[in-house]
Amino acid sequence: MAKKPSLGRQKIKIAKIQIKNHLQVTFSKRRSGLFKKASELCTLCGVEIAIVVFSPAGKVFSFGHPKVELIADRFLARNPNLNSTSLHLVESHRLASIPELNMQLMYMLNELETEKKRSEALDEMRKDGRSQFWWEAPIEDLNVHELEQLKDSMEELKKTIGIQANKLFAESSDSISIFGTNNNINGGVDHYEMIKPGSIISSSSGASHVQSYGYVHGMM
């Protein structure tokens, strides 16, 4: 199936979003980006940052290093008090914990981005109306990997059908042998012949069909 041509990166007009659902999605995405940039700034420049954000629904989100409360208190008091022992301890803790915290943040942001891409892919599939599984698509639309999978599945199906056919043939042979013996005793059928079943597998558009298998018996 041909892919839709990409429009590339488009400039987004900076204006208030009117659609409520789009507003919430944009807020979540931009908030994550804002916190990520703040974390990188702390790592690169060793700065102290406090960010407080209220969502359109009124929920509060914050990011701070070393702590939002500490930065807020220093800002409101207008007294950094840089020589205090407590601030030296906080600074030591900050320097030790920044790499680990940044790794955790980056991991969560990557997970969020992965889930976002997966959701977008599912949305595209719904829009394209692709409700069928890939193996239900025409053979000419399958790639090499999908064709290999389809081939392996058909080979496995052929083996399974052969095993089942042999099992049915063996059961039928036992039943016919008993039937022939009883008729000999009663002066009836004294001879029969059997044709061993065979299975023929054909493929068309990725589907497999069993054309024939069975047994024939008669009197001579």
N, C-alpha and C. Protein backbone atom coordinates (compact mmCIF):
# COMPACT_ATOMS: atom_id res chain seq x y z
N MET A 1 0.85 -1.19 0.00
CA MET A 1 0.00 0.00 0.00
C MET A 1 0.88 1.24 0.00
N ALA A 2 0.63 2.12 -0.93
CA ALA A 2 1.45 3.33 -1.07
C ALA A 2 1.28 4.25 0.13
N LYS A 3 2.40 4.78 0.60
CA LYS A 3 2.35 5.70 1.73
C LYS A 3 1.97 7.10 1.27
N LYS A 4 1.30 7.82 2.16
CA LYS A 4 0.93 9.19 1.85
C LYS A 4 2.17 10.07 1.86
N PRO A 5 2.29 10.98 0.92
CA PRO A 5 3.47 11.86 0.89
C PRO A 5 3.54 12.72 2.14
N SER A 6 4.75 12.83 2.70
CA SER A 6 4.93 13.62 3.91
C SER A 6 4.95 15.11 3.58
N LEU A 7 4.32 15.87 4.45
CA LEU A 7 4.29 17.32 4.26
C LEU A 7 5.50 18.00 4.88
N GLY A 8 6.33 17.20 5.61
CA GLY A 8 7.51 17.76 6.23
C GLY A 8 7.15 18.61 7.45
N ARG A 9 8.14 19.27 7.98
CA ARG A 9 7.93 20.13 9.15
C ARG A 9 7.20 21.40 8.73
N GLN A 10 6.13 21.69 9.42
CA GLN A 10 5.35 22.88 9.11
C GLN A 10 5.40 23.84 10.30
N LYS A 11 5.41 25.10 9.99
CA LYS A 11 5.43 26.11 11.04
C LYS A 11 4.05 26.21 11.67
N ILE A 12 4.02 26.08 12.99
CA ILE A 12 2.75 26.14 13.72
C ILE A 12 2.47 27.58 14.13
N LYS A 13 1.30 28.02 13.81
CA LYS A 13 0.91 29.38 14.18
C LYS A 13 0.72 29.46 15.70
N ILE A 14 1.37 30.44 16.30
CA ILE A 14 1.28 30.62 17.75
C ILE A 14 0.01 31.41 18.06
N ALA A 15 -1.01 30.68 18.43
CA ALA A 15 -2.30 31.28 18.79
C ALA A 15 -3.03 30.32 19.71
N LYS A 16 -3.99 30.84 20.44
CA LYS A 16 -4.74 30.01 21.38
C LYS A 16 -5.47 28.90 20.63
N ILE A 17 -5.27 27.66 21.10
CA ILE A 17 -5.93 26.50 20.49
C ILE A 17 -7.37 26.45 20.99
N GLN A 18 -8.30 26.32 20.07
CA GLN A 18 -9.71 26.37 20.44
C GLN A 18 -10.29 24.99 20.73
N ILE A 19 -9.76 23.95 20.09
CA ILE A 19 -10.28 22.59 20.31
C ILE A 19 -9.74 22.05 21.62
N LYS A 20 -10.63 21.62 22.50
CA LYS A 20 -10.24 21.25 23.86
C LYS A 20 -9.27 20.07 23.89
N ASN A 21 -9.56 19.02 23.11
CA ASN A 21 -8.69 17.85 23.11
C ASN A 21 -7.29 18.19 22.60
N HIS A 22 -7.23 19.00 21.54
CA HIS A 22 -5.94 19.41 21.01
C HIS A 22 -5.18 20.28 22.02
N LEU A 23 -5.92 21.04 22.78
CA LEU A 23 -5.31 21.91 23.80
C LEU A 23 -4.59 21.07 24.86
N GLN A 24 -5.24 20.01 25.33
CA GLN A 24 -4.65 19.16 26.37
C GLN A 24 -3.44 18.40 25.84
N VAL A 25 -3.54 17.89 24.62
CA VAL A 25 -2.42 17.15 24.02
C VAL A 25 -1.20 18.06 23.84
N THR A 26 -1.44 19.27 23.34
CA THR A 26 -0.35 20.22 23.14
C THR A 26 0.29 20.60 24.47
N PHE A 27 -0.53 20.79 25.49
CA PHE A 27 0.00 21.14 26.81
C PHE A 27 0.92 20.05 27.34
N SER A 28 0.48 18.79 27.25
CA SER A 28 1.29 17.68 27.76
C SER A 28 2.61 17.58 27.01
N LYS A 29 2.56 17.75 25.70
CA LYS A 29 3.77 17.65 24.89
C LYS A 29 4.73 18.79 25.19
N ARG A 30 4.23 20.01 25.22
CA ARG A 30 5.10 21.18 25.46
C ARG A 30 5.63 21.18 26.89
N ARG A 31 4.83 20.70 27.84
CA ARG A 31 5.29 20.65 29.23
C ARG A 31 6.48 19.70 29.37
N SER A 32 6.38 18.54 28.73
CA SER A 32 7.49 17.59 28.78
C SER A 32 8.74 18.18 28.15
N GLY A 33 8.57 18.87 27.03
CA GLY A 33 9.72 19.51 26.39
C GLY A 33 10.33 20.60 27.25
N LEU A 34 9.49 21.36 27.93
CA LEU A 34 9.98 22.43 28.81
C LEU A 34 10.80 21.86 29.96
N PHE A 35 10.28 20.81 30.61
CA PHE A 35 11.00 20.20 31.72
C PHE A 35 12.31 19.56 31.25
N LYS A 36 12.29 18.99 30.05
CA LYS A 36 13.51 18.38 29.51
C LYS A 36 14.58 19.43 29.29
N LYS A 37 14.21 20.56 28.71
CA LYS A 37 15.17 21.64 28.48
C LYS A 37 15.70 22.20 29.79
N ALA A 38 14.83 22.29 30.79
CA ALA A 38 15.27 22.79 32.10
C ALA A 38 16.28 21.84 32.73
N SER A 39 16.03 20.53 32.60
CA SER A 39 16.96 19.55 33.14
C SER A 39 18.31 19.62 32.44
N GLU A 40 18.28 19.78 31.12
CA GLU A 40 19.54 19.90 30.38
C GLU A 40 20.30 21.16 30.78
N LEU A 41 19.58 22.24 31.04
CA LEU A 41 20.21 23.49 31.46
C LEU A 41 20.90 23.32 32.82
N CYS A 42 20.25 22.57 33.72
CA CYS A 42 20.86 22.29 35.03
C CYS A 42 22.15 21.50 34.87
N THR A 43 22.11 20.52 33.99
CA THR A 43 23.29 19.67 33.79
C THR A 43 24.43 20.44 33.13
N LEU A 44 24.12 21.20 32.10
CA LEU A 44 25.16 21.89 31.33
C LEU A 44 25.76 23.07 32.07
N CYS A 45 24.93 23.81 32.78
CA CYS A 45 25.38 25.08 33.38
C CYS A 45 25.40 25.07 34.90
N GLY A 46 24.88 24.01 35.52
CA GLY A 46 24.88 23.94 36.97
C GLY A 46 23.97 24.96 37.63
N VAL A 47 22.91 25.36 36.95
CA VAL A 47 22.01 26.37 37.50
C VAL A 47 20.94 25.72 38.38
N GLU A 48 20.28 26.55 39.15
CA GLU A 48 19.14 26.12 39.95
C GLU A 48 17.87 26.67 39.33
N ILE A 49 16.88 25.81 39.15
CA ILE A 49 15.67 26.18 38.40
C ILE A 49 14.44 25.73 39.16
N ALA A 50 13.40 26.53 39.06
CA ALA A 50 12.08 26.15 39.57
C ALA A 50 11.04 26.56 38.53
N ILE A 51 10.22 25.59 38.11
CA ILE A 51 9.16 25.85 37.13
C ILE A 51 7.85 25.33 37.69
N VAL A 52 6.83 26.15 37.67
CA VAL A 52 5.49 25.76 38.11
C VAL A 52 4.52 26.03 36.96
N VAL A 53 3.77 25.01 36.57
CA VAL A 53 2.85 25.13 35.44
C VAL A 53 1.48 24.62 35.84
N PHE A 54 0.45 25.37 35.49
CA PHE A 54 -0.93 24.95 35.72
C PHE A 54 -1.55 24.54 34.38
N SER A 55 -2.12 23.35 34.34
CA SER A 55 -2.73 22.85 33.11
C SER A 55 -4.05 23.57 32.84
N PRO A 56 -4.60 23.42 31.61
CA PRO A 56 -5.92 24.02 31.32
C PRO A 56 -7.02 23.54 32.26
N ALA A 57 -6.82 22.32 32.82
CA ALA A 57 -7.81 21.78 33.76
C ALA A 57 -7.56 22.21 35.19
N GLY A 58 -6.49 22.98 35.43
CA GLY A 58 -6.22 23.49 36.76
C GLY A 58 -5.25 22.64 37.57
N LYS A 59 -4.70 21.56 36.99
CA LYS A 59 -3.74 20.74 37.71
C LYS A 59 -2.37 21.41 37.67
N VAL A 60 -1.63 21.25 38.78
CA VAL A 60 -0.33 21.90 38.88
C VAL A 60 0.78 20.89 38.63
N PHE A 61 1.79 21.32 37.87
CA PHE A 61 2.97 20.51 37.59
C PHE A 61 4.19 21.37 37.87
N SER A 62 5.22 20.74 38.43
CA SER A 62 6.40 21.53 38.79
C SER A 62 7.68 20.75 38.49
N PHE A 63 8.73 21.51 38.26
CA PHE A 63 10.07 20.94 38.09
C PHE A 63 11.03 21.89 38.78
N GLY A 64 11.90 21.33 39.60
CA GLY A 64 12.85 22.19 40.29
C GLY A 64 14.13 21.47 40.62
N HIS A 65 15.19 22.21 40.64
CA HIS A 65 16.48 21.66 41.06
C HIS A 65 17.25 22.72 41.84
N PRO A 66 17.69 22.43 43.07
CA PRO A 66 17.54 21.14 43.74
C PRO A 66 16.11 20.82 44.19
N LYS A 67 15.35 21.84 44.63
CA LYS A 67 13.95 21.64 45.00
C LYS A 67 13.17 22.91 44.67
N VAL A 68 11.91 22.70 44.29
CA VAL A 68 11.06 23.85 43.96
C VAL A 68 10.86 24.72 45.20
N GLU A 69 10.61 24.08 46.34
CA GLU A 69 10.35 24.84 47.58
C GLU A 69 11.54 25.70 47.97
N LEU A 70 12.74 25.13 47.85
CA LEU A 70 13.94 25.86 48.23
C LEU A 70 14.15 27.08 47.33
N ILE A 71 13.98 26.89 46.03
CA ILE A 71 14.15 28.00 45.09
C ILE A 71 13.09 29.07 45.34
N ALA A 72 11.85 28.64 45.60
CA ALA A 72 10.77 29.60 45.84
C ALA A 72 11.03 30.41 47.11
N ASP A 73 11.50 29.73 48.16
CA ASP A 73 11.78 30.45 49.42
C ASP A 73 12.90 31.46 49.22
N ARG A 74 13.92 31.10 48.51
CA ARG A 74 15.03 32.02 48.27
C ARG A 74 14.58 33.21 47.43
N PHE A 75 13.71 32.95 46.46
CA PHE A 75 13.24 34.03 45.60
C PHE A 75 12.34 35.00 46.38
N LEU A 76 11.44 34.44 47.19
CA LEU A 76 10.51 35.29 47.94
C LEU A 76 11.23 36.07 49.04
N ALA A 77 12.23 35.45 49.67
CA ALA A 77 12.94 36.12 50.76
C ALA A 77 14.00 37.09 50.24
N ARG A 78 14.34 36.97 48.95
CA ARG A 78 15.38 37.81 48.35
C ARG A 78 16.68 37.71 49.13
N ASN A 79 16.95 36.54 49.71
CA ASN A 79 18.15 36.36 50.52
C ASN A 79 18.75 34.99 50.21
N PRO A 80 19.70 34.91 49.29
CA PRO A 80 20.24 33.61 48.91
C PRO A 80 20.98 32.90 50.03
N ASN A 81 21.58 33.65 50.96
CA ASN A 81 22.26 33.04 52.10
C ASN A 81 23.24 31.95 51.64
N LEU A 82 24.12 32.31 50.74
CA LEU A 82 24.98 31.33 50.10
C LEU A 82 25.97 30.68 51.05
N ASN A 83 26.25 31.29 52.20
CA ASN A 83 27.27 30.74 53.09
C ASN A 83 26.72 29.77 54.12
N SER A 84 25.43 29.51 54.09
CA SER A 84 24.83 28.62 55.10
C SER A 84 25.28 27.19 54.86
N THR A 85 25.39 26.45 55.95
CA THR A 85 25.80 25.04 55.87
C THR A 85 24.79 24.21 55.12
N SER A 86 23.51 24.50 55.34
CA SER A 86 22.46 23.72 54.69
C SER A 86 22.53 23.82 53.17
N LEU A 87 22.84 25.03 52.68
CA LEU A 87 22.93 25.19 51.23
C LEU A 87 24.13 24.44 50.66
N HIS A 88 25.22 24.37 51.41
CA HIS A 88 26.36 23.60 50.95
C HIS A 88 26.02 22.12 50.86
N LEU A 89 25.26 21.63 51.83
CA LEU A 89 24.84 20.23 51.79
C LEU A 89 23.91 19.97 50.61
N VAL A 90 23.00 20.92 50.40
CA VAL A 90 22.08 20.79 49.27
C VAL A 90 22.84 20.79 47.95
N GLU A 91 23.85 21.65 47.86
CA GLU A 91 24.64 21.73 46.63
C GLU A 91 25.38 20.43 46.38
N SER A 92 25.94 19.84 47.44
CA SER A 92 26.65 18.56 47.28
C SER A 92 25.69 17.47 46.81
N HIS A 93 24.52 17.46 47.41
CA HIS A 93 23.52 16.46 47.02
C HIS A 93 23.08 16.69 45.57
N ARG A 94 22.95 17.94 45.20
CA ARG A 94 22.54 18.27 43.83
C ARG A 94 23.54 17.76 42.82
N LEU A 95 24.81 18.02 43.07
CA LEU A 95 25.84 17.60 42.13
C LEU A 95 25.92 16.08 42.00
N ALA A 96 25.62 15.39 43.10
CA ALA A 96 25.68 13.93 43.07
C ALA A 96 24.47 13.30 42.39
N SER A 97 23.32 13.96 42.50
CA SER A 97 22.08 13.34 42.02
C SER A 97 21.68 13.76 40.61
N ILE A 98 22.28 14.82 40.08
CA ILE A 98 21.86 15.32 38.76
C ILE A 98 21.97 14.26 37.67
N PRO A 99 23.10 13.56 37.51
CA PRO A 99 23.19 12.59 36.41
C PRO A 99 22.12 11.50 36.49
N GLU A 100 21.91 10.96 37.68
CA GLU A 100 20.91 9.89 37.82
C GLU A 100 19.51 10.40 37.53
N LEU A 101 19.18 11.57 38.05
CA LEU A 101 17.85 12.13 37.81
C LEU A 101 17.64 12.44 36.33
N ASN A 102 18.67 12.94 35.69
CA ASN A 102 18.55 13.24 34.26
C ASN A 102 18.35 11.97 33.43
N MET A 103 19.04 10.90 33.83
CA MET A 103 18.86 9.62 33.13
C MET A 103 17.43 9.12 33.28
N GLN A 104 16.88 9.24 34.49
CA GLN A 104 15.50 8.83 34.71
C GLN A 104 14.53 9.68 33.90
N LEU A 105 14.79 10.97 33.87
CA LEU A 105 13.91 11.86 33.12
C LEU A 105 13.98 11.56 31.62
N MET A 106 15.17 11.35 31.11
CA MET A 106 15.33 11.06 29.69
C MET A 106 14.65 9.74 29.32
N TYR A 107 14.75 8.76 30.22
CA TYR A 107 14.10 7.47 29.97
C TYR A 107 12.60 7.63 29.88
N MET A 108 12.02 8.38 30.81
CA MET A 108 10.57 8.58 30.82
C MET A 108 10.12 9.37 29.59
N LEU A 109 10.91 10.36 29.20
CA LEU A 109 10.56 11.14 28.01
C LEU A 109 10.63 10.30 26.74
N ASN A 110 11.62 9.41 26.67
CA ASN A 110 11.72 8.52 25.51
C ASN A 110 10.55 7.55 25.46
N GLU A 111 10.16 7.04 26.63
CA GLU A 111 9.01 6.14 26.68
C GLU A 111 7.75 6.87 26.23
N LEU A 112 7.61 8.11 26.68
CA LEU A 112 6.46 8.91 26.29
C LEU A 112 6.44 9.14 24.78
N GLU A 113 7.59 9.42 24.21
CA GLU A 113 7.68 9.65 22.77
C GLU A 113 7.36 8.38 21.98
N THR A 114 7.83 7.23 22.49
CA THR A 114 7.54 5.95 21.83
C THR A 114 6.05 5.67 21.82
N GLU A 115 5.40 5.87 22.97
CA GLU A 115 3.95 5.64 23.04
C GLU A 115 3.19 6.61 22.15
N LYS A 116 3.70 7.82 22.05
CA LYS A 116 3.05 8.81 21.19
C LYS A 116 3.11 8.39 19.72
N LYS A 117 4.29 7.91 19.29
CA LYS A 117 4.44 7.46 17.91
C LYS A 117 3.56 6.24 17.64
N ARG A 118 3.46 5.35 18.62
CA ARG A 118 2.62 4.17 18.46
C ARG A 118 1.15 4.56 18.32
N SER A 119 0.74 5.53 19.12
CA SER A 119 -0.63 6.01 19.03
C SER A 119 -0.91 6.67 17.69
N GLU A 120 0.06 7.45 17.19
CA GLU A 120 -0.11 8.09 15.89
C GLU A 120 -0.20 7.06 14.77
N ALA A 121 0.60 5.99 14.88
CA ALA A 121 0.56 4.94 13.85
C ALA A 121 -0.79 4.24 13.84
N LEU A 122 -1.34 3.98 15.03
CA LEU A 122 -2.67 3.35 15.11
C LEU A 122 -3.74 4.27 14.53
N ASP A 123 -3.61 5.55 14.80
CA ASP A 123 -4.57 6.51 14.25
C ASP A 123 -4.51 6.52 12.72
N GLU A 124 -3.30 6.45 12.18
CA GLU A 124 -3.15 6.43 10.72
C GLU A 124 -3.78 5.18 10.12
N MET A 125 -3.61 4.04 10.81
CA MET A 125 -4.21 2.80 10.33
C MET A 125 -5.72 2.89 10.33
N ARG A 126 -6.27 3.53 11.36
CA ARG A 126 -7.74 3.68 11.40
C ARG A 126 -8.21 4.60 10.28
N LYS A 127 -7.46 5.67 10.04
CA LYS A 127 -7.85 6.61 8.99
C LYS A 127 -7.78 5.95 7.61
N ASP A 128 -6.78 5.11 7.41
CA ASP A 128 -6.62 4.44 6.12
C ASP A 128 -7.60 3.29 5.94
N GLY A 129 -8.32 2.95 7.00
CA GLY A 129 -9.29 1.86 6.91
C GLY A 129 -8.66 0.50 6.82
N ARG A 130 -7.44 0.37 7.35
CA ARG A 130 -6.75 -0.91 7.28
C ARG A 130 -7.15 -1.77 8.47
N SER A 131 -8.33 -2.40 8.37
CA SER A 131 -8.83 -3.22 9.45
C SER A 131 -8.32 -4.65 9.37
N GLN A 132 -7.79 -5.08 8.19
CA GLN A 132 -7.34 -6.45 8.04
C GLN A 132 -5.92 -6.60 8.57
N PHE A 133 -5.55 -7.87 8.87
CA PHE A 133 -4.19 -8.17 9.27
C PHE A 133 -3.29 -8.16 8.04
N TRP A 134 -1.98 -8.07 8.28
CA TRP A 134 -1.07 -7.94 7.14
C TRP A 134 -1.11 -9.17 6.25
N TRP A 135 -1.34 -10.36 6.85
CA TRP A 135 -1.34 -11.57 6.02
C TRP A 135 -2.61 -11.71 5.18
N GLU A 136 -3.60 -10.84 5.43
CA GLU A 136 -4.81 -10.85 4.62
C GLU A 136 -4.68 -9.94 3.40
N ALA A 137 -3.59 -9.20 3.32
CA ALA A 137 -3.39 -8.29 2.20
C ALA A 137 -2.96 -9.09 0.96
N PRO A 138 -3.14 -8.52 -0.24
CA PRO A 138 -2.67 -9.20 -1.46
C PRO A 138 -1.17 -9.46 -1.39
N ILE A 139 -0.74 -10.57 -2.02
CA ILE A 139 0.66 -10.98 -1.95
C ILE A 139 1.58 -9.89 -2.49
N GLU A 140 1.15 -9.20 -3.54
CA GLU A 140 2.03 -8.18 -4.13
C GLU A 140 2.26 -6.99 -3.19
N ASP A 141 1.43 -6.87 -2.14
CA ASP A 141 1.61 -5.76 -1.19
C ASP A 141 2.50 -6.14 -0.01
N LEU A 142 2.89 -7.43 0.10
CA LEU A 142 3.70 -7.88 1.22
C LEU A 142 5.18 -7.64 0.94
N ASN A 143 5.93 -7.34 2.01
CA ASN A 143 7.37 -7.19 1.86
C ASN A 143 8.06 -8.54 2.02
N VAL A 144 9.40 -8.55 1.91
CA VAL A 144 10.15 -9.81 1.93
C VAL A 144 9.96 -10.54 3.26
N HIS A 145 10.03 -9.81 4.36
CA HIS A 145 9.89 -10.43 5.68
C HIS A 145 8.50 -11.06 5.84
N GLU A 146 7.48 -10.36 5.41
CA GLU A 146 6.11 -10.89 5.53
C GLU A 146 5.91 -12.11 4.63
N LEU A 147 6.52 -12.10 3.44
CA LEU A 147 6.43 -13.26 2.55
C LEU A 147 7.12 -14.48 3.16
N GLU A 148 8.26 -14.26 3.82
CA GLU A 148 8.95 -15.37 4.48
C GLU A 148 8.09 -15.95 5.60
N GLN A 149 7.45 -15.08 6.37
CA GLN A 149 6.57 -15.55 7.44
C GLN A 149 5.40 -16.34 6.87
N LEU A 150 4.83 -15.84 5.78
CA LEU A 150 3.70 -16.53 5.16
C LEU A 150 4.12 -17.90 4.64
N LYS A 151 5.31 -17.97 4.03
CA LYS A 151 5.82 -19.25 3.52
C LYS A 151 6.00 -20.25 4.66
N ASP A 152 6.62 -19.81 5.77
CA ASP A 152 6.82 -20.71 6.91
C ASP A 152 5.49 -21.19 7.47
N SER A 153 4.51 -20.31 7.53
CA SER A 153 3.19 -20.69 8.05
C SER A 153 2.52 -21.72 7.15
N MET A 154 2.66 -21.55 5.85
CA MET A 154 2.06 -22.50 4.91
C MET A 154 2.74 -23.86 4.98
N GLU A 155 4.09 -23.86 5.15
CA GLU A 155 4.81 -25.12 5.30
C GLU A 155 4.36 -25.85 6.57
N GLU A 156 4.19 -25.09 7.65
CA GLU A 156 3.74 -25.69 8.90
C GLU A 156 2.33 -26.24 8.76
N LEU A 157 1.47 -25.52 8.04
CA LEU A 157 0.11 -25.99 7.80
C LEU A 157 0.11 -27.27 6.98
N LYS A 158 1.00 -27.34 5.99
CA LYS A 158 1.10 -28.54 5.15
C LYS A 158 1.49 -29.75 5.99
N LYS A 159 2.47 -29.58 6.90
CA LYS A 159 2.88 -30.67 7.77
C LYS A 159 1.73 -31.12 8.67
N THR A 160 1.03 -30.15 9.23
CA THR A 160 -0.09 -30.48 10.13
C THR A 160 -1.18 -31.25 9.40
N ILE A 161 -1.49 -30.82 8.18
CA ILE A 161 -2.52 -31.50 7.39
C ILE A 161 -2.08 -32.92 7.05
N GLY A 162 -0.78 -33.09 6.71
CA GLY A 162 -0.28 -34.42 6.40
C GLY A 162 -0.38 -35.36 7.58
N ILE A 163 -0.03 -34.87 8.77
CA ILE A 163 -0.13 -35.69 9.98
C ILE A 163 -1.57 -36.09 10.25
N GLN A 164 -2.49 -35.13 10.13
CA GLN A 164 -3.90 -35.40 10.39
C GLN A 164 -4.46 -36.38 9.35
N ALA A 165 -4.04 -36.23 8.07
CA ALA A 165 -4.52 -37.12 7.02
C ALA A 165 -4.04 -38.55 7.26
N ASN A 166 -2.77 -38.71 7.65
CA ASN A 166 -2.26 -40.04 7.95
C ASN A 166 -2.97 -40.67 9.13
N LYS A 167 -3.30 -39.85 10.12
CA LYS A 167 -4.03 -40.36 11.28
C LYS A 167 -5.41 -40.86 10.88
N LEU A 168 -6.12 -40.06 10.07
CA LEU A 168 -7.44 -40.48 9.61
C LEU A 168 -7.34 -41.71 8.72
N PHE A 169 -6.30 -41.80 7.91
CA PHE A 169 -6.10 -42.95 7.04
C PHE A 169 -5.89 -44.22 7.85
N ALA A 170 -5.07 -44.11 8.92
CA ALA A 170 -4.82 -45.28 9.77
C ALA A 170 -6.09 -45.74 10.46
N GLU A 171 -6.88 -44.78 10.97
CA GLU A 171 -8.14 -45.13 11.62
C GLU A 171 -9.09 -45.78 10.62
N SER A 172 -9.14 -45.25 9.40
CA SER A 172 -10.02 -45.80 8.38
C SER A 172 -9.57 -47.20 7.97
N SER A 173 -8.25 -47.42 7.91
CA SER A 173 -7.73 -48.74 7.56
C SER A 173 -8.16 -49.78 8.56
N ASP A 174 -8.09 -49.44 9.84
CA ASP A 174 -8.52 -50.37 10.88
C ASP A 174 -9.99 -50.70 10.74
N SER A 175 -10.81 -49.68 10.47
CA SER A 175 -12.25 -49.89 10.35
C SER A 175 -12.56 -50.76 9.14
N ILE A 176 -11.90 -50.53 8.01
CA ILE A 176 -12.16 -51.29 6.79
C ILE A 176 -11.69 -52.73 6.94
N SER A 177 -10.55 -52.95 7.63
CA SER A 177 -10.07 -54.31 7.85
C SER A 177 -11.08 -55.12 8.64
N ILE A 178 -11.64 -54.53 9.65
CA ILE A 178 -12.67 -55.22 10.44
C ILE A 178 -13.89 -55.48 9.60
N PHE A 179 -14.29 -54.50 8.77
CA PHE A 179 -15.44 -54.65 7.90
C PHE A 179 -15.23 -55.79 6.91
N GLY A 180 -14.02 -55.89 6.29
CA GLY A 180 -13.73 -56.94 5.32
C GLY A 180 -13.71 -58.31 5.95
N THR A 181 -13.15 -58.43 7.15
CA THR A 181 -13.10 -59.72 7.84
C THR A 181 -14.49 -60.21 8.16
N ASN A 182 -15.34 -59.36 8.66
CA ASN A 182 -16.71 -59.75 8.99
C ASN A 182 -17.47 -60.21 7.76
N ASN A 183 -17.29 -59.53 6.63
CA ASN A 183 -18.00 -59.92 5.42
C ASN A 183 -17.49 -61.24 4.86
N ASN A 184 -16.19 -61.55 5.04
CA ASN A 184 -15.67 -62.85 4.62
C ASN A 184 -16.33 -63.96 5.41
N ILE A 185 -16.50 -63.72 6.70
CA ILE A 185 -17.15 -64.73 7.54
C ILE A 185 -18.58 -64.95 7.10
N ASN A 186 -19.25 -63.90 6.73
CA ASN A 186 -20.66 -63.99 6.35
C ASN A 186 -20.84 -64.28 4.87
N GLY A 187 -19.75 -64.56 4.13
CA GLY A 187 -19.85 -64.87 2.72
C GLY A 187 -20.06 -63.65 1.86
N GLY A 188 -19.66 -62.52 2.32
CA GLY A 188 -19.87 -61.28 1.58
C GLY A 188 -18.61 -60.85 0.86
N VAL A 189 -18.20 -59.62 1.09
CA VAL A 189 -17.04 -59.06 0.40
C VAL A 189 -15.79 -59.80 0.84
N ASP A 190 -15.00 -60.25 -0.14
CA ASP A 190 -13.78 -60.99 0.20
C ASP A 190 -12.52 -60.26 -0.24
N HIS A 191 -12.66 -59.12 -0.87
CA HIS A 191 -11.46 -58.40 -1.30
C HIS A 191 -11.78 -56.90 -1.41
N TYR A 192 -10.83 -56.07 -1.11
CA TYR A 192 -10.99 -54.63 -1.27
C TYR A 192 -9.62 -54.02 -1.53
N GLU A 193 -9.62 -52.90 -2.14
CA GLU A 193 -8.36 -52.19 -2.35
C GLU A 193 -8.53 -50.76 -1.85
N MET A 194 -7.42 -50.16 -1.49
CA MET A 194 -7.45 -48.81 -0.91
C MET A 194 -6.47 -47.92 -1.64
N ILE A 195 -6.84 -46.67 -1.75
CA ILE A 195 -5.95 -45.65 -2.31
C ILE A 195 -5.54 -44.74 -1.17
N LYS A 196 -4.26 -44.66 -0.94
CA LYS A 196 -3.75 -43.85 0.17
C LYS A 196 -4.01 -42.37 -0.08
N PRO A 197 -4.45 -41.68 0.94
CA PRO A 197 -4.77 -40.26 0.74
C PRO A 197 -3.52 -39.44 0.46
N GLY A 198 -3.72 -38.35 -0.26
CA GLY A 198 -2.64 -37.40 -0.48
C GLY A 198 -3.20 -36.01 -0.38
N SER A 199 -2.39 -35.07 -0.06
CA SER A 199 -2.87 -33.70 0.09
C SER A 199 -2.11 -32.81 -0.85
N ILE A 200 -2.83 -31.92 -1.50
CA ILE A 200 -2.22 -30.97 -2.43
C ILE A 200 -2.49 -29.58 -1.90
N ILE A 201 -1.46 -28.81 -1.67
CA ILE A 201 -1.60 -27.46 -1.13
C ILE A 201 -1.37 -26.47 -2.26
N SER A 202 -2.26 -25.55 -2.43
CA SER A 202 -2.08 -24.47 -3.40
C SER A 202 -2.24 -23.17 -2.69
N SER A 203 -1.60 -22.11 -3.19
CA SER A 203 -1.69 -20.80 -2.55
C SER A 203 -2.18 -19.78 -3.54
N SER A 204 -3.02 -18.90 -3.07
CA SER A 204 -3.52 -17.79 -3.88
C SER A 204 -3.80 -16.64 -2.96
N SER A 205 -3.10 -15.51 -3.20
CA SER A 205 -3.24 -14.31 -2.37
C SER A 205 -2.99 -14.62 -0.91
N GLY A 206 -1.99 -15.43 -0.62
CA GLY A 206 -1.62 -15.66 0.76
C GLY A 206 -2.50 -16.68 1.45
N ALA A 207 -3.47 -17.35 0.75
CA ALA A 207 -4.36 -18.31 1.40
C ALA A 207 -3.95 -19.71 1.00
N SER A 208 -4.19 -20.71 1.82
CA SER A 208 -3.86 -22.09 1.53
C SER A 208 -5.14 -22.89 1.49
N HIS A 209 -5.21 -23.87 0.57
CA HIS A 209 -6.41 -24.68 0.40
C HIS A 209 -6.01 -26.14 0.28
N VAL A 210 -6.73 -27.00 0.92
CA VAL A 210 -6.54 -28.43 0.77
C VAL A 210 -7.47 -28.88 -0.33
N GLN A 211 -6.92 -29.43 -1.45
CA GLN A 211 -7.75 -29.77 -2.59
C GLN A 211 -8.36 -31.16 -2.44
N SER A 212 -7.59 -32.14 -1.99
CA SER A 212 -8.17 -33.47 -1.92
C SER A 212 -7.39 -34.34 -0.97
N TYR A 213 -8.08 -35.19 -0.25
CA TYR A 213 -7.50 -36.34 0.38
C TYR A 213 -8.64 -37.24 0.84
N GLY A 214 -8.40 -38.57 0.79
CA GLY A 214 -9.44 -39.51 1.18
C GLY A 214 -9.05 -40.91 0.79
N TYR A 215 -9.98 -41.84 0.86
CA TYR A 215 -9.68 -43.21 0.48
C TYR A 215 -10.83 -43.74 -0.34
N VAL A 216 -10.53 -44.79 -1.15
CA VAL A 216 -11.54 -45.43 -2.01
C VAL A 216 -11.46 -46.92 -1.76
N HIS A 217 -12.57 -47.56 -1.62
CA HIS A 217 -12.55 -49.02 -1.48
C HIS A 217 -13.66 -49.58 -2.34
N GLY A 218 -13.46 -50.79 -2.81
CA GLY A 218 -14.46 -51.41 -3.67
C GLY A 218 -14.35 -52.91 -3.65
N MET A 219 -15.14 -53.53 -4.45
CA MET A 219 -15.16 -54.99 -4.50
C MET A 219 -14.54 -55.43 -5.81
N MET A 220 -13.85 -56.54 -5.80
CA MET A 220 -13.26 -57.11 -7.01
C MET A 220 -13.82 -58.50 -7.24
